[in-house]
């Protein structure tokens, strides 16, 4: 369960990195195109783009923090479930006495095996 959650988190992080790389390349292209505009207009556009990029980065970071909190919560649930399984196994499976219904063959004692040593 934890492996699946970690895989999903890695995929989300990879997608976020890809989106940021694409946006960076778009910004670089726009900056190349801005070279022909006056300096004041370039600075205004650059500041607006930086503000937009910062807002998007903050939104992505907030979402990743939510995902990490969910992963932590699910990890706790997984640990609790594992502890319950161990407790149930200890109480109900490991301490059962085998039933002796008199079945089997009477001559089995005459042929010892490695298990009986």
N, C-alpha and C. Protein backbone atom coordinates (compact mmCIF):
# COMPACT_ATOMS: atom_id res chain seq x y z
N UNK A 1 0.82 -1.18 0.00
CA UNK A 1 0.00 0.00 0.00
C UNK A 1 0.87 1.25 0.00
N UNK A 2 1.92 1.20 0.84
CA UNK A 2 2.82 2.34 0.92
C UNK A 2 3.56 2.53 -0.40
N UNK A 3 3.91 1.40 -1.05
CA UNK A 3 4.61 1.51 -2.33
C UNK A 3 3.75 2.20 -3.38
N UNK A 4 2.48 1.90 -3.39
CA UNK A 4 1.56 2.52 -4.34
C UNK A 4 1.46 4.02 -4.07
N UNK A 5 1.37 4.38 -2.81
CA UNK A 5 1.26 5.78 -2.44
C UNK A 5 2.53 6.52 -2.83
N UNK A 6 3.66 5.92 -2.55
CA UNK A 6 4.94 6.55 -2.90
C UNK A 6 5.07 6.69 -4.41
N UNK A 7 4.61 5.68 -5.16
CA UNK A 7 4.67 5.76 -6.62
C UNK A 7 3.81 6.90 -7.13
N UNK A 8 2.62 7.05 -6.56
CA UNK A 8 1.73 8.15 -6.96
C UNK A 8 2.38 9.49 -6.65
N UNK A 9 3.00 9.60 -5.48
CA UNK A 9 3.66 10.86 -5.11
C UNK A 9 4.81 11.18 -6.06
N UNK A 10 5.57 10.16 -6.44
CA UNK A 10 6.68 10.37 -7.37
C UNK A 10 6.16 10.81 -8.73
N UNK A 11 5.07 10.20 -9.18
CA UNK A 11 4.48 10.59 -10.46
C UNK A 11 4.00 12.04 -10.41
N UNK A 12 3.38 12.43 -9.31
CA UNK A 12 2.89 13.81 -9.17
C UNK A 12 4.07 14.79 -9.17
N UNK A 13 5.12 14.44 -8.44
CA UNK A 13 6.30 15.30 -8.41
C UNK A 13 6.93 15.41 -9.79
N UNK A 14 7.01 14.29 -10.51
CA UNK A 14 7.57 14.31 -11.86
C UNK A 14 6.73 15.18 -12.78
N UNK A 15 5.42 15.06 -12.68
CA UNK A 15 4.54 15.88 -13.51
C UNK A 15 4.73 17.36 -13.18
N UNK A 16 4.86 17.69 -11.89
CA UNK A 16 5.06 19.09 -11.50
C UNK A 16 6.38 19.62 -12.06
N UNK A 17 7.41 18.79 -12.02
CA UNK A 17 8.71 19.22 -12.56
C UNK A 17 8.61 19.44 -14.06
N UNK A 18 7.90 18.54 -14.75
CA UNK A 18 7.73 18.70 -16.20
C UNK A 18 6.97 19.98 -16.53
N UNK A 19 5.92 20.27 -15.77
CA UNK A 19 5.15 21.49 -16.00
C UNK A 19 6.02 22.71 -15.77
N UNK A 20 6.79 22.70 -14.69
CA UNK A 20 7.67 23.84 -14.42
C UNK A 20 8.74 23.99 -15.51
N UNK A 21 9.28 22.89 -16.01
CA UNK A 21 10.28 22.98 -17.09
C UNK A 21 9.66 23.56 -18.35
N UNK A 22 8.44 23.14 -18.67
CA UNK A 22 7.74 23.67 -19.86
C UNK A 22 7.48 25.16 -19.70
N UNK A 23 7.02 25.54 -18.51
CA UNK A 23 6.75 26.96 -18.28
C UNK A 23 8.04 27.77 -18.34
N UNK A 24 9.12 27.22 -17.86
CA UNK A 24 10.40 27.92 -17.93
C UNK A 24 10.82 28.14 -19.37
N UNK A 25 10.65 27.09 -20.20
CA UNK A 25 11.02 27.25 -21.61
C UNK A 25 10.13 28.29 -22.29
N UNK A 26 8.85 28.33 -21.93
CA UNK A 26 7.94 29.34 -22.49
C UNK A 26 8.37 30.75 -22.07
N UNK A 27 8.74 30.87 -20.82
CA UNK A 27 9.19 32.18 -20.32
C UNK A 27 10.47 32.59 -21.04
N UNK A 28 11.38 31.65 -21.25
CA UNK A 28 12.61 31.97 -21.96
C UNK A 28 12.33 32.42 -23.39
N UNK A 29 11.38 31.77 -24.06
CA UNK A 29 11.02 32.17 -25.41
C UNK A 29 10.43 33.58 -25.41
N UNK A 30 9.56 33.86 -24.43
CA UNK A 30 8.97 35.18 -24.34
C UNK A 30 10.04 36.24 -24.06
N UNK A 31 11.01 35.89 -23.22
CA UNK A 31 12.08 36.83 -22.93
C UNK A 31 12.92 37.10 -24.18
N UNK A 32 13.13 36.08 -25.00
CA UNK A 32 13.86 36.30 -26.25
C UNK A 32 13.08 37.24 -27.17
N UNK A 33 11.76 37.08 -27.19
CA UNK A 33 10.93 37.92 -28.04
C UNK A 33 10.85 39.35 -27.49
N UNK A 34 11.03 39.51 -26.20
CA UNK A 34 10.93 40.83 -25.58
C UNK A 34 12.17 41.68 -25.88
N UNK A 35 13.18 41.09 -26.40
CA UNK A 35 14.41 41.83 -26.67
C UNK A 35 14.20 43.00 -27.60
N UNK A 36 13.15 42.96 -28.40
CA UNK A 36 12.91 44.04 -29.34
C UNK A 36 12.06 45.15 -28.76
N UNK A 37 11.45 44.93 -27.57
CA UNK A 37 10.59 45.93 -26.95
C UNK A 37 11.41 46.90 -26.10
N UNK A 38 10.85 48.05 -25.79
CA UNK A 38 11.55 48.99 -24.91
C UNK A 38 11.80 48.39 -23.53
N UNK A 39 12.79 48.91 -22.82
CA UNK A 39 13.21 48.34 -21.55
C UNK A 39 12.12 48.42 -20.48
N UNK A 40 11.37 49.51 -20.42
CA UNK A 40 10.33 49.65 -19.40
C UNK A 40 9.24 48.60 -19.56
N UNK A 41 8.84 48.36 -20.79
CA UNK A 41 7.81 47.36 -21.05
C UNK A 41 8.34 45.97 -20.71
N UNK A 42 9.60 45.72 -21.02
CA UNK A 42 10.20 44.42 -20.72
C UNK A 42 10.19 44.16 -19.22
N UNK A 43 10.54 45.13 -18.41
CA UNK A 43 10.58 44.96 -16.97
C UNK A 43 9.18 44.72 -16.41
N UNK A 44 8.20 45.45 -16.90
CA UNK A 44 6.83 45.24 -16.43
C UNK A 44 6.35 43.83 -16.75
N UNK A 45 6.59 43.38 -17.99
CA UNK A 45 6.18 42.04 -18.38
C UNK A 45 6.92 40.99 -17.56
N UNK A 46 8.18 41.22 -17.34
CA UNK A 46 8.98 40.27 -16.58
C UNK A 46 8.50 40.17 -15.14
N UNK A 47 8.18 41.31 -14.54
CA UNK A 47 7.68 41.31 -13.17
C UNK A 47 6.33 40.60 -13.07
N UNK A 48 5.47 40.82 -14.05
CA UNK A 48 4.17 40.14 -14.05
C UNK A 48 4.36 38.63 -14.20
N UNK A 49 5.26 38.24 -15.10
CA UNK A 49 5.51 36.82 -15.29
C UNK A 49 6.11 36.18 -14.04
N UNK A 50 7.01 36.91 -13.39
CA UNK A 50 7.60 36.38 -12.16
C UNK A 50 6.54 36.24 -11.07
N UNK A 51 5.65 37.20 -10.97
CA UNK A 51 4.59 37.13 -9.97
C UNK A 51 3.67 35.94 -10.26
N UNK A 52 3.32 35.76 -11.54
CA UNK A 52 2.49 34.61 -11.92
C UNK A 52 3.19 33.30 -11.62
N UNK A 53 4.48 33.24 -11.98
CA UNK A 53 5.25 32.01 -11.74
C UNK A 53 5.36 31.72 -10.25
N UNK A 54 5.57 32.75 -9.45
CA UNK A 54 5.64 32.55 -8.00
C UNK A 54 4.32 32.04 -7.44
N UNK A 55 3.22 32.59 -7.93
CA UNK A 55 1.90 32.12 -7.49
C UNK A 55 1.70 30.65 -7.86
N UNK A 56 2.08 30.28 -9.07
CA UNK A 56 1.93 28.89 -9.50
C UNK A 56 2.83 27.96 -8.69
N UNK A 57 4.05 28.40 -8.41
CA UNK A 57 4.97 27.59 -7.61
C UNK A 57 4.42 27.41 -6.20
N UNK A 58 3.90 28.47 -5.62
CA UNK A 58 3.32 28.37 -4.28
C UNK A 58 2.12 27.43 -4.26
N UNK A 59 1.30 27.46 -5.31
CA UNK A 59 0.15 26.56 -5.39
C UNK A 59 0.62 25.11 -5.50
N UNK A 60 1.65 24.88 -6.29
CA UNK A 60 2.18 23.51 -6.43
C UNK A 60 2.76 23.03 -5.12
N UNK A 61 3.50 23.88 -4.43
CA UNK A 61 4.09 23.49 -3.15
C UNK A 61 3.00 23.18 -2.13
N UNK A 62 1.94 23.98 -2.11
CA UNK A 62 0.83 23.73 -1.18
C UNK A 62 0.18 22.39 -1.48
N UNK A 63 -0.01 22.10 -2.75
CA UNK A 63 -0.62 20.81 -3.13
C UNK A 63 0.28 19.64 -2.76
N UNK A 64 1.58 19.79 -2.95
CA UNK A 64 2.52 18.72 -2.58
C UNK A 64 2.54 18.52 -1.07
N UNK A 65 2.40 19.59 -0.31
CA UNK A 65 2.33 19.45 1.15
C UNK A 65 1.07 18.70 1.56
N UNK A 66 -0.05 18.98 0.89
CA UNK A 66 -1.28 18.25 1.17
C UNK A 66 -1.10 16.77 0.86
N UNK A 67 -0.45 16.48 -0.26
CA UNK A 67 -0.22 15.09 -0.64
C UNK A 67 0.67 14.40 0.38
N UNK A 68 1.71 15.09 0.85
CA UNK A 68 2.60 14.46 1.84
C UNK A 68 1.87 14.22 3.16
N UNK A 69 0.97 15.12 3.55
CA UNK A 69 0.17 14.90 4.76
C UNK A 69 -0.74 13.68 4.58
N UNK A 70 -1.35 13.55 3.40
CA UNK A 70 -2.19 12.40 3.13
C UNK A 70 -1.37 11.10 3.17
N UNK A 71 -0.18 11.15 2.62
CA UNK A 71 0.69 9.96 2.64
C UNK A 71 1.04 9.61 4.09
N UNK A 72 1.34 10.60 4.90
CA UNK A 72 1.64 10.34 6.31
C UNK A 72 0.46 9.74 7.04
N UNK A 73 -0.73 10.28 6.76
CA UNK A 73 -1.94 9.74 7.40
C UNK A 73 -2.18 8.30 6.96
N UNK A 74 -2.02 8.03 5.68
CA UNK A 74 -2.24 6.67 5.18
C UNK A 74 -1.17 5.71 5.71
N UNK A 75 0.03 6.20 5.92
CA UNK A 75 1.10 5.38 6.48
C UNK A 75 0.75 5.00 7.92
N UNK A 76 0.22 5.95 8.69
CA UNK A 76 -0.22 5.65 10.05
C UNK A 76 -1.32 4.59 10.05
N UNK A 77 -2.28 4.73 9.16
CA UNK A 77 -3.36 3.75 9.07
C UNK A 77 -2.79 2.39 8.72
N UNK A 78 -1.83 2.36 7.80
CA UNK A 78 -1.20 1.11 7.41
C UNK A 78 -0.48 0.46 8.58
N UNK A 79 0.21 1.26 9.40
CA UNK A 79 0.90 0.72 10.58
C UNK A 79 -0.09 0.16 11.59
N UNK A 80 -1.20 0.87 11.78
CA UNK A 80 -2.22 0.39 12.71
C UNK A 80 -2.82 -0.92 12.21
N UNK A 81 -3.10 -0.99 10.91
CA UNK A 81 -3.65 -2.22 10.34
C UNK A 81 -2.67 -3.37 10.50
N UNK A 82 -1.40 -3.11 10.27
CA UNK A 82 -0.38 -4.16 10.41
C UNK A 82 -0.32 -4.65 11.85
N UNK A 83 -0.41 -3.73 12.81
CA UNK A 83 -0.40 -4.12 14.22
C UNK A 83 -1.63 -4.96 14.56
N UNK A 84 -2.77 -4.60 14.00
CA UNK A 84 -3.99 -5.38 14.24
C UNK A 84 -3.88 -6.77 13.64
N UNK A 85 -3.29 -6.88 12.46
CA UNK A 85 -3.12 -8.18 11.82
C UNK A 85 -2.20 -9.05 12.67
N UNK A 86 -1.15 -8.47 13.17
CA UNK A 86 -0.22 -9.24 14.02
C UNK A 86 -0.93 -9.70 15.28
N UNK A 87 -1.71 -8.83 15.88
CA UNK A 87 -2.43 -9.19 17.10
C UNK A 87 -3.45 -10.30 16.83
N UNK A 88 -4.19 -10.18 15.76
CA UNK A 88 -5.18 -11.20 15.42
C UNK A 88 -4.49 -12.52 15.11
N UNK A 89 -3.39 -12.47 14.39
CA UNK A 89 -2.66 -13.69 14.06
C UNK A 89 -2.14 -14.35 15.34
N UNK A 90 -1.63 -13.55 16.24
CA UNK A 90 -1.08 -14.09 17.48
C UNK A 90 -2.18 -14.74 18.32
N UNK A 91 -3.35 -14.12 18.36
CA UNK A 91 -4.42 -14.63 19.23
C UNK A 91 -5.15 -15.82 18.63
N UNK A 92 -5.42 -15.77 17.32
CA UNK A 92 -6.36 -16.73 16.77
C UNK A 92 -5.74 -17.78 15.86
N UNK A 93 -4.54 -17.56 15.36
CA UNK A 93 -3.98 -18.53 14.44
C UNK A 93 -2.84 -19.30 15.08
N UNK A 94 -1.92 -18.64 15.72
CA UNK A 94 -0.72 -19.31 16.23
C UNK A 94 -0.98 -20.18 17.45
N UNK A 95 -2.03 -19.92 18.22
CA UNK A 95 -2.25 -20.67 19.45
C UNK A 95 -3.35 -21.72 19.33
N UNK A 96 -3.73 -22.08 18.13
CA UNK A 96 -4.71 -23.15 17.97
C UNK A 96 -4.04 -24.49 18.21
N UNK A 97 -4.70 -25.34 18.91
CA UNK A 97 -4.20 -26.69 19.13
C UNK A 97 -4.69 -27.56 17.97
N UNK A 98 -3.82 -28.43 17.46
CA UNK A 98 -4.28 -29.32 16.38
C UNK A 98 -5.30 -30.32 16.91
N UNK A 99 -6.25 -30.63 16.08
CA UNK A 99 -7.28 -31.58 16.46
C UNK A 99 -6.75 -33.00 16.29
N UNK A 100 -6.95 -33.83 17.31
CA UNK A 100 -6.56 -35.24 17.22
C UNK A 100 -7.83 -36.05 17.11
N UNK A 101 -8.20 -36.37 15.90
CA UNK A 101 -9.43 -37.12 15.67
C UNK A 101 -9.15 -38.60 15.47
N UNK A 102 -7.93 -39.02 15.70
CA UNK A 102 -7.59 -40.43 15.55
C UNK A 102 -7.35 -40.80 14.10
N UNK A 103 -7.20 -39.84 13.26
CA UNK A 103 -6.97 -40.15 11.86
C UNK A 103 -5.49 -40.43 11.64
N UNK A 104 -5.16 -40.94 10.50
CA UNK A 104 -3.79 -41.28 10.18
C UNK A 104 -3.62 -42.80 10.14
N UNK A 105 -2.42 -43.24 9.97
CA UNK A 105 -2.16 -44.68 9.86
C UNK A 105 -1.44 -45.15 11.11
N UNK A 106 -1.72 -46.37 11.57
CA UNK A 106 -1.10 -46.85 12.81
C UNK A 106 0.38 -47.21 12.63
N UNK A 107 0.83 -47.48 11.41
CA UNK A 107 2.21 -47.92 11.20
C UNK A 107 3.19 -46.77 10.99
N UNK A 108 2.75 -45.49 11.11
CA UNK A 108 3.61 -44.35 10.86
C UNK A 108 4.75 -44.26 11.87
N UNK A 109 4.55 -44.77 13.09
CA UNK A 109 5.60 -44.72 14.11
C UNK A 109 6.77 -45.62 13.77
N UNK A 110 6.52 -46.64 12.94
CA UNK A 110 7.58 -47.59 12.58
C UNK A 110 8.57 -47.01 11.59
N UNK A 111 8.21 -45.95 10.91
CA UNK A 111 9.07 -45.34 9.89
C UNK A 111 9.40 -43.90 10.29
N UNK A 112 10.51 -43.73 11.00
CA UNK A 112 10.85 -42.35 11.42
C UNK A 112 11.28 -41.49 10.22
N UNK A 113 11.03 -40.23 10.34
CA UNK A 113 11.44 -39.28 9.29
C UNK A 113 12.27 -38.18 9.94
N UNK A 114 12.78 -37.26 9.14
CA UNK A 114 13.63 -36.20 9.68
C UNK A 114 12.87 -35.26 10.59
N UNK A 115 11.57 -35.10 10.39
CA UNK A 115 10.79 -34.20 11.22
C UNK A 115 10.66 -34.70 12.65
N UNK A 116 10.73 -36.01 12.85
CA UNK A 116 10.53 -36.55 14.18
C UNK A 116 11.81 -36.55 15.01
N UNK A 117 12.92 -36.21 14.43
CA UNK A 117 14.20 -36.22 15.16
C UNK A 117 14.37 -35.00 16.01
